Amino acid sequence: MSEVDWAIKGPHFVNCNCDYGCPCQFAALPTDGTCLAVVAWRIDEGHFGDVSLDGLVAVATYAWPGAIHEGNGSMQSIIDERADDAQREALAAVLRGEGAEQGSTMLWIYHAMCETVHEPIISAIDLMVDFDNRVGKLSVSGVLETTIEPLKNIVTGAEHRVRIDLPVGKEFNVAEVASGTTKGTGAVPLDFSNSHAHFADSVITSKGIE
């Protein structure tokens, strides 16, 4: 295992195919028995060893035929085209959880549960993350589109705010829950709408969550 120290700080959002709340957050099985997801990161500050990742964005797509812990999944990273060669390698390594302590972060866990790791896509990534208002948008031309919006009260239509608090979480300690729609045509196809999404503003490091 690599001994490189790394960290990424900044907001990210997730959209998966589960019902709102996502049973995985409550140590339960996924809604329809499978797990499909996209994770989009805005890295305000970050490093992989002495390689700076400040200001870059990155995306990871995942698919498991069952629950994540059952394995046999596949993943593909999408790397910011603005990154130089060293930064591209570093971002891909971070998204695979390389160098992290075993089981310490969702990045390590997700990669460990993926039998197939597709080659990363290098592309322009249009990402907007508004943590406070629970609004997000992701566009990778010809590959992936995601829209995130606040939950709505089914009676009044007013915005409905829900948080998930995980004191020992592998991805976040507190997340804002939202509703997401994703269509992806990369090596990991994704197609779900009005499904679970959440925003988190975490510091994820090779040693765990800070």
C-alpha atoms as a PDB file:
ATOM      1  CA  MET A   1       0.000   0.000   0.000  1.00  0.00           C
ATOM      2  CA  SER A   2       1.218   3.504  -0.830  1.00  0.00           C
ATOM      3  CA  GLU A   3       2.427   5.616   2.050  1.00  0.00           C
ATOM      4  CA  VAL A   4       1.492   8.887   0.319  1.00  0.00           C
ATOM      5  CA  ASP A   5      -0.452  11.251   2.567  1.00  0.00           C
ATOM      6  CA  TRP A   6      -3.446  12.875   0.889  1.00  0.00           C
ATOM      7  CA  ALA A   7      -6.485  14.979   1.688  1.00  0.00           C
ATOM      8  CA  ILE A   8      -9.365  16.623  -0.166  1.00  0.00           C
ATOM      9  CA  LYS A   9     -11.466  19.395   1.354  1.00  0.00           C
ATOM     10  CA  GLY A  10     -14.648  20.780  -0.122  1.00  0.00           C
ATOM     11  CA  PRO A  11     -18.287  19.990  -0.833  1.00  0.00           C
ATOM     12  CA  HIS A  12     -19.518  17.012  -2.808  1.00  0.00           C
ATOM     13  CA  PHE A  13     -22.847  15.506  -3.691  1.00  0.00           C
ATOM     14  CA  VAL A  14     -24.061  11.965  -4.268  1.00  0.00           C
ATOM     15  CA  ASN A  15     -27.031  10.757  -6.281  1.00  0.00           C
ATOM     16  CA  CYS A  16     -27.938   7.087  -6.108  1.00  0.00           C
ATOM     17  CA  ASN A  17     -30.833   4.880  -7.202  1.00  0.00           C
ATOM     18  CA  CYS A  18     -32.280   4.399  -3.698  1.00  0.00           C
ATOM     19  CA  ASP A  19     -35.324   6.012  -2.133  1.00  0.00           C
ATOM     20  CA  TYR A  20     -34.799   9.238  -0.198  1.00  0.00           C
ATOM     21  CA  GLY A  21     -32.691   8.654   2.890  1.00  0.00           C
ATOM     22  CA  CYS A  22     -30.789   5.739   1.306  1.00  0.00           C
ATOM     23  CA  PRO A  23     -30.972   2.544   3.406  1.00  0.00           C
ATOM     24  CA  CYS A  24     -27.174   2.185   3.226  1.00  0.00           C
ATOM     25  CA  GLN A  25     -26.891   5.157   5.595  1.00  0.00           C
ATOM     26  CA  PHE A  26     -28.881   3.121   8.138  1.00  0.00           C
ATOM     27  CA  ALA A  27     -26.989  -0.182   7.770  1.00  0.00           C
ATOM     28  CA  ALA A  28     -29.826  -1.669   5.694  1.00  0.00           C
ATOM     29  CA  LEU A  29     -30.013  -3.151   2.196  1.00  0.00           C
ATOM     30  CA  PRO A  30     -30.515  -0.874  -0.832  1.00  0.00           C
ATOM     31  CA  THR A  31     -34.041  -0.088  -1.986  1.00  0.00           C
ATOM     32  CA  ASP A  32     -34.201  -2.413  -5.001  1.00  0.00           C
ATOM     33  CA  GLY A  33     -31.291  -4.641  -3.994  1.00  0.00           C
ATOM     34  CA  THR A  34     -28.766  -2.920  -6.283  1.00  0.00           C
ATOM     35  CA  CYS A  35     -26.585   0.144  -5.831  1.00  0.00           C
ATOM     36  CA  LEU A  36     -25.874   2.675  -8.601  1.00  0.00           C
ATOM     37  CA  ALA A  37     -24.370   6.063  -7.827  1.00  0.00           C
ATOM     38  CA  VAL A  38     -22.485   9.136  -8.954  1.00  0.00           C
ATOM     39  CA  VAL A  39     -20.292  11.224  -6.647  1.00  0.00           C
ATOM     40  CA  ALA A  40     -19.090  14.695  -7.698  1.00  0.00           C
ATOM     41  CA  TRP A  41     -16.335  16.536  -5.817  1.00  0.00           C
ATOM     42  CA  ARG A  42     -15.306  20.186  -5.764  1.00  0.00           C
ATOM     43  CA  ILE A  43     -11.853  20.230  -4.220  1.00  0.00           C
ATOM     44  CA  ASP A  44     -11.278  23.633  -2.660  1.00  0.00           C
ATOM     45  CA  GLU A  45      -8.064  22.434  -1.044  1.00  0.00           C
ATOM     46  CA  GLY A  46      -6.310  19.151  -1.598  1.00  0.00           C
ATOM     47  CA  HIS A  47      -3.039  17.336  -2.052  1.00  0.00           C
ATOM     48  CA  PHE A  48      -1.634  13.926  -2.860  1.00  0.00           C
ATOM     49  CA  GLY A  49       1.821  13.930  -1.370  1.00  0.00           C
ATOM     50  CA  ASP A  50       3.337  17.129  -2.723  1.00  0.00           C
ATOM     51  CA  VAL A  51       0.930  17.340  -5.695  1.00  0.00           C
ATOM     52  CA  SER A  52      -1.608  20.137  -5.199  1.00  0.00           C
ATOM     53  CA  LEU A  53      -5.238  19.386  -6.075  1.00  0.00           C
ATOM     54  CA  ASP A  54      -6.563  22.844  -5.186  1.00  0.00           C
ATOM     55  CA  GLY A  55      -9.404  24.077  -7.374  1.00  0.00           C
ATOM     56  CA  LEU A  56      -9.945  20.856  -9.317  1.00  0.00           C
ATOM     57  CA  VAL A  57     -13.112  18.780  -9.671  1.00  0.00           C
ATOM     58  CA  ALA A  58     -13.592  15.050 -10.055  1.00  0.00           C
ATOM     59  CA  VAL A  59     -16.396  12.528 -10.443  1.00  0.00           C
ATOM     60  CA  ALA A  60     -16.782   8.822  -9.754  1.00  0.00           C
ATOM     61  CA  THR A  61     -19.535   6.530 -11.042  1.00  0.00           C
ATOM     62  CA  TYR A  62     -20.328   3.174  -9.451  1.00  0.00           C
ATOM     63  CA  ALA A  63     -22.564   0.138  -9.984  1.00  0.00           C
ATOM     64  CA  TRP A  64     -23.035  -2.941  -7.812  1.00  0.00           C
ATOM     65  CA  PRO A  65     -25.375  -5.837  -8.692  1.00  0.00           C
ATOM     66  CA  GLY A  66     -26.293  -6.146  -5.025  1.00  0.00           C
ATOM     67  CA  ALA A  67     -25.429  -4.286  -1.828  1.00  0.00           C
ATOM     68  CA  ILE A  68     -22.020  -2.594  -1.805  1.00  0.00           C
ATOM     69  CA  HIS A  69     -20.581  -4.953   0.798  1.00  0.00           C
ATOM     70  CA  GLU A  70     -21.355  -7.927  -1.463  1.00  0.00           C
ATOM     71  CA  GLY A  71     -18.818  -6.667  -4.004  1.00  0.00           C
ATOM     72  CA  ASN A  72     -18.576  -7.444  -7.739  1.00  0.00           C
ATOM     73  CA  GLY A  73     -19.014  -3.766  -8.543  1.00  0.00           C
ATOM     74  CA  SER A  74     -17.619  -1.553 -11.273  1.00  0.00           C
ATOM     75  CA  MET A  75     -16.406   2.037 -11.175  1.00  0.00           C
ATOM     76  CA  GLN A  76     -15.131   4.765 -13.455  1.00  0.00           C
ATOM     77  CA  SER A  77     -13.548   8.093 -12.589  1.00  0.00           C
ATOM     78  CA  ILE A  78     -13.932  11.309 -14.551  1.00  0.00           C
ATOM     79  CA  ILE A  79     -10.948  13.617 -14.127  1.00  0.00           C
ATOM     80  CA  ASP A  80     -10.852  17.393 -14.621  1.00  0.00           C
ATOM     81  CA  GLU A  81      -9.175  18.148 -17.960  1.00  0.00           C
ATOM     82  CA  ARG A  82      -7.509  21.196 -16.367  1.00  0.00           C
ATOM     83  CA  ALA A  83      -5.322  18.887 -14.273  1.00  0.00           C
ATOM     84  CA  ASP A  84      -1.781  18.281 -15.454  1.00  0.00           C
ATOM     85  CA  ASP A  85      -0.398  14.759 -15.794  1.00  0.00           C
ATOM     86  CA  ALA A  86       0.722  14.528 -12.161  1.00  0.00           C
ATOM     87  CA  GLN A  87      -2.610  15.859 -10.902  1.00  0.00           C
ATOM     88  CA  ARG A  88      -4.547  13.432 -13.104  1.00  0.00           C
ATOM     89  CA  GLU A  89      -2.667  10.482 -11.675  1.00  0.00           C
ATOM     90  CA  ALA A  90      -3.116  11.863  -8.160  1.00  0.00           C
ATOM     91  CA  LEU A  91      -6.871  12.432  -8.550  1.00  0.00           C
ATOM     92  CA  ALA A  92      -7.374   8.947  -9.953  1.00  0.00           C
ATOM     93  CA  ALA A  93      -5.423   7.516  -7.001  1.00  0.00           C
ATOM     94  CA  VAL A  94      -7.490   9.485  -4.469  1.00  0.00           C
ATOM     95  CA  LEU A  95     -10.767   8.325  -6.026  1.00  0.00           C
ATOM     96  CA  ARG A  96      -9.518   4.757  -5.687  1.00  0.00           C
ATOM     97  CA  GLY A  97      -8.680   5.367  -2.033  1.00  0.00           C
ATOM     98  CA  GLU A  98      -5.042   4.466  -2.605  1.00  0.00           C
ATOM     99  CA  GLY A  99      -2.844   4.847   0.449  1.00  0.00           C
ATOM    100  CA  ALA A 100      -5.824   5.114   2.803  1.00  0.00           C
ATOM    101  CA  GLU A 101      -5.966   3.010   5.911  1.00  0.00           C
ATOM    102  CA  GLN A 102      -8.088  -0.087   5.349  1.00  0.00           C
ATOM    103  CA  GLY A 103     -11.797   0.676   5.699  1.00  0.00           C
ATOM    104  CA  SER A 104     -11.134   4.267   6.765  1.00  0.00           C
ATOM    105  CA  THR A 105     -13.083   6.069   4.026  1.00  0.00           C
ATOM    106  CA  MET A 106     -15.825   5.427   1.508  1.00  0.00           C
ATOM    107  CA  LEU A 107     -13.269   5.876  -1.284  1.00  0.00           C
ATOM    108  CA  TRP A 108     -11.215   2.927  -0.034  1.00  0.00           C
ATOM    109  CA  ILE A 109     -14.328   0.830   0.610  1.00  0.00           C
ATOM    110  CA  TYR A 110     -15.974   1.517  -2.746  1.00  0.00           C
ATOM    111  CA  HIS A 111     -12.812   0.682  -4.689  1.00  0.00           C
ATOM    112  CA  ALA A 112     -12.253  -2.491  -2.658  1.00  0.00           C
ATOM    113  CA  MET A 113     -15.795  -3.605  -3.522  1.00  0.00           C
ATOM    114  CA  CYS A 114     -15.304  -3.051  -7.278  1.00  0.00           C
ATOM    115  CA  GLU A 115     -14.071  -6.004  -9.303  1.00  0.00           C
ATOM    116  CA  THR A 116     -13.881  -3.845 -12.442  1.00  0.00           C
ATOM    117  CA  VAL A 117     -12.141  -0.466 -12.511  1.00  0.00           C
ATOM    118  CA  HIS A 118     -12.518   1.202 -15.897  1.00  0.00           C
ATOM    119  CA  GLU A 119      -9.967   3.619 -17.305  1.00  0.00           C
ATOM    120  CA  PRO A 120     -10.676   7.213 -16.205  1.00  0.00           C
ATOM    121  CA  ILE A 121     -12.259   9.710 -18.569  1.00  0.00           C
ATOM    122  CA  ILE A 122     -10.394  13.011 -18.937  1.00  0.00           C
ATOM    123  CA  SER A 123     -12.926  15.733 -19.691  1.00  0.00           C
ATOM    124  CA  ALA A 124     -14.219  19.176 -18.972  1.00  0.00           C
ATOM    125  CA  ILE A 125     -16.535  18.930 -15.967  1.00  0.00           C
ATOM    126  CA  ASP A 126     -19.209  21.552 -15.345  1.00  0.00           C
ATOM    127  CA  LEU A 127     -20.019  21.278 -11.638  1.00  0.00           C
ATOM    128  CA  MET A 128     -22.132  23.482  -9.399  1.00  0.00           C
ATOM    129  CA  VAL A 129     -22.530  22.615  -5.716  1.00  0.00           C
ATOM    130  CA  ASP A 130     -24.680  24.837  -3.471  1.00  0.00           C
ATOM    131  CA  PHE A 131     -24.530  23.080  -0.110  1.00  0.00           C
ATOM    132  CA  ASP A 132     -26.655  25.595   1.816  1.00  0.00           C
ATOM    133  CA  ASN A 133     -29.546  25.549  -0.659  1.00  0.00           C
ATOM    134  CA  ARG A 134     -29.228  21.837  -1.515  1.00  0.00           C
ATOM    135  CA  VAL A 135     -28.905  22.536  -5.223  1.00  0.00           C
ATOM    136  CA  GLY A 136     -26.385  20.994  -7.596  1.00  0.00           C
ATOM    137  CA  LYS A 137     -25.718  20.373 -11.259  1.00  0.00           C
ATOM    138  CA  LEU A 138     -23.171  18.205 -13.015  1.00  0.00           C
ATOM    139  CA  SER A 139     -22.508  18.002 -16.731  1.00  0.00           C
ATOM    140  CA  VAL A 140     -19.860  16.011 -18.577  1.00  0.00           C
ATOM    141  CA  SER A 141     -20.649  16.487 -22.265  1.00  0.00           C
ATOM    142  CA  GLY A 142     -21.829  13.304 -23.935  1.00  0.00           C
ATOM    143  CA  VAL A 143     -21.236  11.245 -20.792  1.00  0.00           C
ATOM    144  CA  LEU A 144     -23.136  12.328 -17.689  1.00  0.00           C
ATOM    145  CA  GLU A 145     -25.830  14.728 -16.500  1.00  0.00           C
ATOM    146  CA  THR A 146     -27.025  15.128 -12.899  1.00  0.00           C
ATOM    147  CA  THR A 147     -29.435  17.617 -11.365  1.00  0.00           C
ATOM    148  CA  ILE A 148     -29.963  17.933  -7.598  1.00  0.00           C
ATOM    149  CA  GLU A 149     -32.759  19.888  -5.930  1.00  0.00           C
ATOM    150  CA  PRO A 150     -34.279  20.179  -2.451  1.00  0.00           C
ATOM    151  CA  LEU A 151     -36.814  17.666  -1.211  1.00  0.00           C
ATOM    152  CA  LYS A 152     -40.403  18.902  -1.497  1.00  0.00           C
ATOM    153  CA  ASN A 153     -43.302  18.391   0.893  1.00  0.00           C
ATOM    154  CA  ILE A 154     -45.747  16.122  -0.966  1.00  0.00           C
ATOM    155  CA  VAL A 155     -48.753  18.077   0.397  1.00  0.00           C
ATOM    156  CA  THR A 156     -47.688  21.732   0.233  1.00  0.00           C
ATOM    157  CA  GLY A 157     -44.825  21.608  -2.275  1.00  0.00           C
ATOM    158  CA  ALA A 158     -42.654  23.585   0.118  1.00  0.00           C
ATOM    159  CA  GLU A 159     -38.972  22.718   0.472  1.00  0.00           C
ATOM    160  CA  HIS A 160     -38.399  20.032   3.091  1.00  0.00           C
ATOM    161  CA  ARG A 161     -35.090  19.874   4.916  1.00  0.00           C
ATOM    162  CA  VAL A 162     -33.625  16.615   6.305  1.00  0.00           C
ATOM    163  CA  ARG A 163     -30.147  15.864   7.638  1.00  0.00           C
ATOM    164  CA  ILE A 164     -28.320  12.607   8.269  1.00  0.00           C
ATOM    165  CA  ASP A 165     -25.939  12.611  11.224  1.00  0.00           C
ATOM    166  CA  LEU A 166     -23.260   9.889  11.234  1.00  0.00           C
ATOM    167  CA  PRO A 167     -20.804  10.404  14.096  1.00  0.00           C
ATOM    168  CA  VAL A 168     -18.595   7.578  12.776  1.00  0.00           C
ATOM    169  CA  GLY A 169     -19.306   7.991   9.066  1.00  0.00           C
ATOM    170  CA  LYS A 170     -16.865   6.929   6.349  1.00  0.00           C
ATOM    171  CA  GLU A 171     -17.924   9.759   4.016  1.00  0.00           C
ATOM    172  CA  PHE A 172     -19.364  12.497   6.213  1.00  0.00           C
ATOM    173  CA  ASN A 173     -20.496  13.322   9.706  1.00  0.00           C
ATOM    174  CA  VAL A 174     -23.499  15.423   8.622  1.00  0.00           C
ATOM    175  CA  ALA A 175     -25.182  15.470   5.216  1.00  0.00           C
ATOM    176  CA  GLU A 176     -28.099  17.432   3.755  1.00  0.00           C
ATOM    177  CA  VAL A 177     -30.575  15.169   1.955  1.00  0.00           C
ATOM    178  CA  ALA A 178     -31.949  16.144  -1.462  1.00  0.00           C
ATOM    179  CA  SER A 179     -33.526  14.708  -4.609  1.00  0.00           C
ATOM    180  CA  GLY A 180     -31.498  13.832  -7.684  1.00  0.00           C
ATOM    181  CA  THR A 181     -31.806  12.752 -11.291  1.00  0.00           C
ATOM    182  CA  THR A 182     -28.903  11.244 -13.248  1.00  0.00           C
ATOM    183  CA  LYS A 183     -28.366   9.979 -16.768  1.00  0.00           C
ATOM    184  CA  GLY A 184     -24.949   8.511 -17.569  1.00  0.00           C
ATOM    185  CA  THR A 185     -23.677   6.722 -20.666  1.00  0.00           C
ATOM    186  CA  GLY A 186     -20.089   6.005 -19.681  1.00  0.00           C
ATOM    187  CA  ALA A 187     -18.586   2.601 -18.897  1.00  0.00           C
ATOM    188  CA  VAL A 188     -20.878   2.573 -15.842  1.00  0.00           C
ATOM    189  CA  PRO A 189     -24.365   3.403 -17.216  1.00  0.00           C
ATOM    190  CA  LEU A 190     -26.679   5.270 -14.844  1.00  0.00           C
ATOM    191  CA  ASP A 191     -30.354   6.148 -15.217  1.00  0.00           C
ATOM    192  CA  PHE A 192     -32.502   7.143 -12.248  1.00  0.00           C
ATOM    193  CA  SER A 193     -34.707  10.072 -11.285  1.00  0.00           C
ATOM    194  CA  ASN A 194     -36.251  11.618  -8.169  1.00  0.00           C
ATOM    195  CA  SER A 195     -34.039   9.420  -6.017  1.00  0.00           C
ATOM    196  CA  HIS A 196     -31.805   9.879  -2.992  1.00  0.00           C
ATOM    197  CA  ALA A 197     -29.135  12.553  -3.067  1.00  0.00           C
ATOM    198  CA  HIS A 198     -27.097  14.218  -0.365  1.00  0.00           C
ATOM    199  CA  PHE A 199     -24.604  17.035   0.049  1.00  0.00           C
ATOM    200  CA  ALA A 200     -21.653  16.907   2.422  1.00  0.00           C
ATOM    201  CA  ASP A 201     -18.834  19.317   3.167  1.00  0.00           C
ATOM    202  CA  SER A 202     -16.114  16.994   4.398  1.00  0.00           C
ATOM    203  CA  VAL A 203     -12.392  16.731   4.778  1.00  0.00           C
ATOM    204  CA  ILE A 204     -11.489  13.227   3.636  1.00  0.00           C
ATOM    205  CA  THR A 205      -7.913  12.119   4.166  1.00  0.00           C
ATOM    206  CA  SER A 206      -5.815   8.993   3.813  1.00  0.00           C
ATOM    207  CA  LYS A 207      -6.447   8.411   7.522  1.00  0.00           C
ATOM    208  CA  GLY A 208     -10.196   9.011   7.563  1.00  0.00           C
ATOM    209  CA  ILE A 209     -12.744  11.796   8.008  1.00  0.00           C
ATOM    210  CA  GLU A 210     -11.809  15.013   9.781  1.00  0.00           C
END
